[in-house]
Protein backbone atom coordinates (compact mmCIF):
# COMPACT_ATOMS: atom_id res chain seq x y z
CA UNK A 1 58.85 -178.83 -96.17
CA UNK A 2 57.65 -182.13 -94.74
CA UNK A 3 53.92 -182.80 -94.90
CA UNK A 4 52.06 -183.60 -91.71
CA UNK A 5 50.93 -187.24 -91.50
CA UNK A 6 47.23 -187.84 -92.10
CA UNK A 7 45.30 -188.77 -88.94
CA UNK A 8 44.16 -192.36 -88.85
CA UNK A 9 40.42 -192.96 -88.88
CA UNK A 10 39.03 -194.20 -85.58
CA UNK A 11 35.59 -195.76 -85.07
CA UNK A 12 33.52 -197.20 -82.25
CA UNK A 13 31.78 -200.50 -82.93
CA UNK A 14 28.39 -200.26 -81.20
CA UNK A 15 27.48 -203.84 -82.12
CA UNK A 16 30.32 -205.38 -80.17
CA UNK A 17 30.81 -205.44 -76.43
CA UNK A 18 34.16 -203.70 -76.72
CA UNK A 19 34.23 -200.28 -75.10
CA UNK A 20 37.37 -199.11 -76.88
CA UNK A 21 37.90 -197.53 -80.30
CA UNK A 22 38.41 -199.82 -83.25
CA UNK A 23 41.30 -199.02 -85.53
CA UNK A 24 41.78 -200.60 -88.96
CA UNK A 25 44.26 -203.08 -87.47
CA UNK A 26 41.91 -204.38 -84.79
CA UNK A 27 40.63 -203.55 -81.32
CA UNK A 28 43.13 -201.73 -79.14
CA UNK A 29 42.85 -200.24 -75.70
CA UNK A 30 43.89 -196.58 -75.54
CA UNK A 31 47.55 -196.32 -74.65
CA UNK A 32 49.16 -193.64 -72.55
CA UNK A 33 51.07 -191.25 -74.74
CA UNK A 34 54.49 -190.28 -73.36
CA UNK A 35 53.93 -186.57 -74.01
CA UNK A 36 53.64 -185.27 -70.47
CA UNK A 37 57.28 -184.42 -69.98
CA UNK A 38 59.60 -185.61 -67.25
CA UNK A 39 57.77 -186.86 -64.18
CA UNK A 40 58.96 -186.47 -60.62
CA UNK A 41 59.05 -189.87 -58.93
CA UNK A 42 58.63 -189.87 -55.16
CA UNK A 43 58.79 -192.68 -52.65
CA UNK A 44 56.60 -192.47 -49.57
CA UNK A 45 57.50 -193.91 -46.16
CA UNK A 46 55.22 -196.83 -47.03
CA UNK A 47 57.50 -197.64 -50.00
CA UNK A 48 54.71 -196.70 -52.50
CA UNK A 49 55.93 -194.86 -55.57
CA UNK A 50 53.89 -191.88 -56.75
CA UNK A 51 54.27 -189.51 -59.67
CA UNK A 52 54.07 -185.75 -59.10
CA UNK A 53 52.61 -183.41 -61.72
CA UNK A 54 55.40 -181.39 -63.37
CA UNK A 55 53.05 -178.42 -63.94
CA UNK A 56 51.30 -177.77 -60.62
CA UNK A 57 53.68 -179.73 -58.35
CA UNK A 58 50.68 -180.61 -56.14
CA UNK A 59 48.81 -183.49 -57.77
CA UNK A 60 50.24 -187.00 -57.42
CA UNK A 61 49.18 -190.25 -59.08
CA UNK A 62 50.16 -193.90 -58.97
CA UNK A 63 50.16 -194.49 -62.75
CA UNK A 64 51.10 -192.51 -65.82
CA UNK A 65 47.54 -192.97 -67.18
CA UNK A 66 46.04 -191.11 -64.21
CA UNK A 67 48.70 -188.44 -64.48
CA UNK A 68 48.01 -187.98 -68.20
CA UNK A 69 44.29 -187.66 -67.46
CA UNK A 70 45.01 -184.97 -64.84
CA UNK A 71 47.30 -182.95 -67.11
CA UNK A 72 44.90 -183.06 -70.07
CA UNK A 73 41.87 -182.09 -68.01
CA UNK A 74 43.35 -179.53 -65.59
CA UNK A 75 46.21 -177.91 -67.47
CA UNK A 76 45.26 -178.36 -71.12
CA UNK A 77 41.46 -178.35 -70.96
CA UNK A 78 41.24 -181.58 -72.94
CA UNK A 79 39.07 -184.65 -72.46
CA UNK A 80 40.98 -187.76 -73.50
CA UNK A 81 37.85 -189.89 -73.95
CA UNK A 82 35.86 -188.67 -76.96
CA UNK A 83 32.74 -190.50 -78.21
CA UNK A 84 32.82 -191.07 -81.97
CA UNK A 85 29.03 -191.45 -82.19
CA UNK A 86 28.23 -188.00 -80.78
CA UNK A 87 29.91 -184.90 -79.33
CA UNK A 88 30.21 -186.32 -75.80
CA UNK A 89 33.65 -186.23 -74.21
CA UNK A 90 34.94 -186.83 -70.70
CA UNK A 91 38.13 -187.25 -68.73
CA UNK A 92 36.70 -190.16 -66.72
CA UNK A 93 37.15 -193.62 -68.20
CA UNK A 94 34.26 -195.15 -66.20
CA UNK A 95 31.82 -192.45 -67.34
CA UNK A 96 32.99 -192.94 -70.91
CA UNK A 97 32.31 -196.68 -70.74
CA UNK A 98 28.82 -196.02 -69.36
CA UNK A 99 28.14 -193.56 -72.17
CA UNK A 100 29.19 -196.05 -74.85
CA UNK A 101 26.76 -198.58 -73.37
CA UNK A 102 23.96 -196.12 -74.10
CA UNK A 103 24.78 -196.29 -77.82
CA UNK A 104 25.07 -200.06 -77.63
CA UNK A 105 21.79 -200.43 -75.73
CA UNK A 106 23.51 -202.48 -73.04
CA UNK A 107 22.18 -202.17 -69.47
CA UNK A 108 24.09 -204.75 -67.44
CA UNK A 109 23.04 -203.55 -64.00
CA UNK A 110 19.58 -204.70 -62.84
CA UNK A 111 17.64 -203.74 -59.74
CA UNK A 112 17.28 -206.56 -57.20
CA UNK A 113 13.63 -205.70 -56.52
CA UNK A 114 12.08 -204.61 -59.84
CA UNK A 115 12.74 -204.79 -63.62
CA UNK A 116 14.68 -201.50 -63.58
CA UNK A 117 17.99 -201.67 -65.47
CA UNK A 118 20.75 -199.12 -66.00
CA UNK A 119 24.07 -198.62 -67.74
CA UNK A 120 25.54 -197.35 -64.48
CA UNK A 121 26.14 -199.33 -61.31
CA UNK A 122 25.97 -196.11 -59.32
CA UNK A 123 22.52 -195.22 -60.66
CA UNK A 124 21.27 -198.75 -59.96
CA UNK A 125 22.42 -198.56 -56.34
CA UNK A 126 20.75 -195.17 -56.03
CA UNK A 127 17.52 -196.61 -57.46
CA UNK A 128 17.54 -199.54 -55.02
CA UNK A 129 17.29 -197.08 -52.13
CA UNK A 130 13.69 -196.54 -53.23
CA UNK A 131 12.85 -200.11 -52.15
CA UNK A 132 14.28 -199.81 -48.64
CA UNK A 133 11.75 -200.68 -45.86
CA UNK A 134 12.10 -197.31 -44.15
CA UNK A 135 11.47 -195.25 -47.28
CA UNK A 136 9.59 -192.12 -46.13
CA UNK A 137 7.84 -191.84 -49.51
CA UNK A 138 6.26 -195.32 -49.38
CA UNK A 139 2.49 -195.70 -48.90
CA UNK A 140 1.60 -197.71 -45.79
CA UNK A 141 -1.60 -199.08 -47.32
CA UNK A 142 -0.60 -200.37 -50.76
CA UNK A 143 3.19 -200.13 -50.99
CA UNK A 144 3.12 -197.38 -53.62
CA UNK A 145 6.43 -195.46 -53.81
CA UNK A 146 6.30 -191.78 -54.77
CA UNK A 147 9.13 -189.75 -56.24
CA UNK A 148 8.54 -186.81 -53.91
CA UNK A 149 6.55 -185.97 -50.78
CA UNK A 150 3.89 -184.02 -52.68
CA UNK A 151 3.19 -187.04 -54.87
CA UNK A 152 2.79 -189.23 -51.76
CA UNK A 153 0.23 -186.83 -50.25
CA UNK A 154 -1.73 -186.85 -53.51
CA UNK A 155 -1.69 -190.67 -53.54
CA UNK A 156 -2.81 -191.00 -49.91
CA UNK A 157 -5.95 -189.00 -50.69
CA UNK A 158 -6.98 -191.69 -53.19
CA UNK A 159 -7.47 -194.11 -50.29
CA UNK A 160 -9.91 -191.73 -48.63
CA UNK A 161 -7.91 -191.76 -45.41
CA UNK A 162 -5.78 -189.13 -43.78
CA UNK A 163 -5.42 -186.11 -45.97
CA UNK A 164 -8.75 -186.58 -47.79
CA UNK A 165 -10.43 -183.23 -48.56
CA UNK A 166 -14.05 -182.83 -47.46
CA UNK A 167 -16.55 -180.10 -48.24
CA UNK A 168 -17.68 -178.36 -45.04
CA UNK A 169 -21.23 -177.81 -46.39
CA UNK A 170 -22.30 -181.00 -48.16
CA UNK A 171 -19.64 -183.33 -46.65
CA UNK A 172 -18.59 -184.60 -50.08
CA UNK A 173 -15.05 -186.06 -50.10
CA UNK A 174 -12.43 -185.34 -52.75
CA UNK A 175 -9.16 -187.14 -53.47
CA UNK A 176 -7.36 -184.17 -55.02
CA UNK A 177 -7.14 -180.44 -54.49
CA UNK A 178 -8.23 -179.61 -58.06
CA UNK A 179 -11.61 -181.29 -57.69
CA UNK A 180 -12.12 -179.74 -54.27
CA UNK A 181 -11.44 -176.21 -55.54
CA UNK A 182 -13.72 -176.75 -58.54
CA UNK A 183 -16.51 -177.85 -56.18
CA UNK A 184 -16.07 -174.77 -54.01
CA UNK A 185 -16.30 -172.43 -57.01
CA UNK A 186 -19.65 -174.00 -58.03
CA UNK A 187 -21.40 -172.93 -54.82
CA UNK A 188 -24.47 -170.67 -55.13
CA UNK A 189 -26.06 -168.10 -52.84
CA UNK A 190 -29.62 -168.65 -51.63
CA UNK A 191 -31.84 -165.75 -52.85
CA UNK A 192 -33.88 -165.78 -49.63
CA UNK A 193 -31.32 -166.03 -46.80
CA UNK A 194 -28.17 -165.03 -48.77
CA UNK A 195 -26.25 -168.06 -47.49
CA UNK A 196 -23.86 -170.08 -49.65
CA UNK A 197 -24.77 -173.67 -50.54
CA UNK A 198 -23.46 -176.34 -52.85
CA UNK A 199 -25.36 -176.86 -56.08
CA UNK A 200 -26.43 -180.35 -55.01
CA UNK A 201 -28.26 -179.17 -51.87
CA UNK A 202 -29.41 -175.60 -52.61
CA UNK A 203 -32.75 -176.73 -54.10
CA UNK A 204 -33.43 -178.95 -51.05
CA UNK A 205 -32.56 -176.07 -48.70
CA UNK A 206 -34.91 -173.61 -50.40
CA UNK A 207 -37.75 -176.12 -50.32
CA UNK A 208 -37.33 -177.12 -46.65
CA UNK A 209 -36.40 -173.75 -45.18
CA UNK A 210 -38.29 -171.28 -47.40
CA UNK A 211 -40.95 -173.39 -49.12
CA UNK A 212 -39.69 -172.35 -52.56
CA UNK A 213 -39.75 -174.87 -55.36
CA UNK A 214 -36.63 -174.69 -57.48
CA UNK A 215 -36.97 -173.31 -60.97
CA UNK A 216 -36.81 -175.84 -63.77
CA UNK A 217 -33.96 -175.57 -66.18
CA UNK A 218 -34.83 -174.22 -69.58
CA UNK A 219 -34.78 -176.89 -72.25
CA UNK A 220 -32.32 -176.74 -75.09
CA UNK A 221 -35.18 -176.24 -77.55
CA UNK A 222 -36.43 -173.17 -75.71
CA UNK A 223 -32.92 -171.74 -75.55
CA UNK A 224 -32.45 -171.81 -79.32
CA UNK A 225 -33.09 -168.73 -81.43
CA UNK A 226 -36.60 -168.11 -82.68
CA UNK A 227 -37.01 -169.06 -86.32
CA UNK A 228 -37.27 -165.99 -88.54
CA UNK A 229 -38.44 -167.63 -91.75
CA UNK A 230 -40.69 -170.52 -92.76
CA UNK A 231 -40.65 -171.68 -96.38
CA UNK A 232 -44.12 -171.57 -97.96
CA UNK A 233 -43.27 -174.52 -100.22
CA UNK A 234 -41.52 -177.11 -98.01
CA UNK A 235 -42.13 -175.67 -94.52
CA UNK A 236 -38.39 -175.44 -93.88
CA UNK A 237 -37.47 -173.12 -90.97
CA UNK A 238 -34.39 -170.96 -90.58
CA UNK A 239 -33.09 -168.31 -88.21
CA UNK A 240 -29.98 -166.99 -90.00
CA UNK A 241 -30.07 -164.74 -93.05
CA UNK A 242 -27.31 -166.52 -95.05
CA UNK A 243 -29.08 -169.87 -94.73
CA UNK A 244 -32.42 -168.30 -95.68
CA UNK A 245 -30.91 -166.81 -98.85
CA UNK A 246 -29.37 -170.18 -99.77
CA UNK A 247 -32.73 -171.87 -99.32
CA UNK A 248 -34.52 -169.26 -101.47
CA UNK A 249 -32.23 -170.20 -104.37
CA UNK A 250 -34.03 -173.57 -104.51
CA UNK A 251 -37.54 -172.21 -103.75
CA UNK A 252 -37.61 -168.67 -105.16
CA UNK A 253 -41.32 -168.60 -106.06
CA UNK A 254 -42.62 -167.02 -102.85
CA UNK A 255 -42.94 -163.66 -101.20
CA UNK A 256 -40.46 -162.78 -98.44
CA UNK A 257 -40.79 -159.77 -96.19
CA UNK A 258 -37.92 -157.27 -96.28
CA UNK A 259 -37.94 -157.28 -92.47
CA UNK A 260 -36.82 -160.93 -92.46
CA UNK A 261 -34.15 -160.84 -95.13
CA UNK A 262 -33.13 -158.57 -98.00
CA UNK A 263 -33.67 -160.51 -101.24
CA UNK A 264 -32.37 -157.73 -103.56
CA UNK A 265 -29.25 -159.73 -104.50
CA UNK A 266 -31.40 -162.69 -105.62
CA UNK A 267 -33.61 -160.38 -107.69
CA UNK A 268 -30.62 -158.76 -109.39
CA UNK A 269 -29.30 -162.19 -110.35
CA UNK A 270 -32.67 -163.12 -111.82
CA UNK A 271 -33.35 -165.91 -109.31
CA UNK A 272 -36.38 -164.19 -107.81
CA UNK A 273 -38.89 -161.94 -109.56
CA UNK A 274 -38.65 -158.18 -109.10
C-alpha cells in the first residue's frame, strides 16, 4: 500500500512585502489547481470566452482562478486563502491581502485630510467621507466632526449655544444632560411656602420673602461622636470600646466605670487590678 506524500510546510513572511506564502524553494504566487473537472467553454456574441461552472451550470467566469474560487466557496465550502499566522480564511484574494497587511503592520492607504491610515483602500475612502464639506455631523462653530448625531448634540452644548440646557428656576446653564439632571435632583422645598428652589437660592428666598435666616451647617467637629472615655494619665480621649481597651493596656493604673467599657478581660489577663 502506497504511503500518502507528506504535505509541504508553508509559511507567510510578515517581514517582507510579499503577500503570498513562502515555500522552501522561494516565493511563489498561488497557482490554480486543475482539479475542477471539465469546464464548459462558451463564446458570447461579443467574442468573449467565458467558463461555465460544471456543478451549478449557472455561474460563469472569465478565468479558471475565479472559477476555482467559486467552486471551492459555493460547492465545497472551502476558503482557498488561509492565513498561516491565525485562523482567518477567505475566498477573496483582495481581503486576504488586506488581512496579511495587518500582521505586517503595513497601512499603505492614507487619508488626504488627516493622519488616518488603513490597510484597506475601501475603508480609507469611507473615512474620507467624514471630511466632506456637507457632512451633517460637522460642528459649524469649530469644525468638530462627530461619529453620530447624538455626539454632535452633546458637543454643541459645550459652546453654550443652541441646545444648551438651562435651569428654569436659577437660570444656570449646563452643557450636558447629566449635570442638568443632577442639579434638578438637588432642589429643596421651602418650609414656609412649600415651593421648590435650587440649593443656591433657597437661603436668599427665605430671607427676602419670609425673613428667615438660614440655619448654619453643623461643623464636622460637632457631628463627631461624643467621647466616652478620657485617660486620667495622658488625657487621651476615645469613643470606641476596642480603642479604649487598647489604650488601657498602656495605662492600666486607673479606675474605669463599667458603664463606659467592660475591663474584665484586662483584669483576667493580669493587666489591670481586680
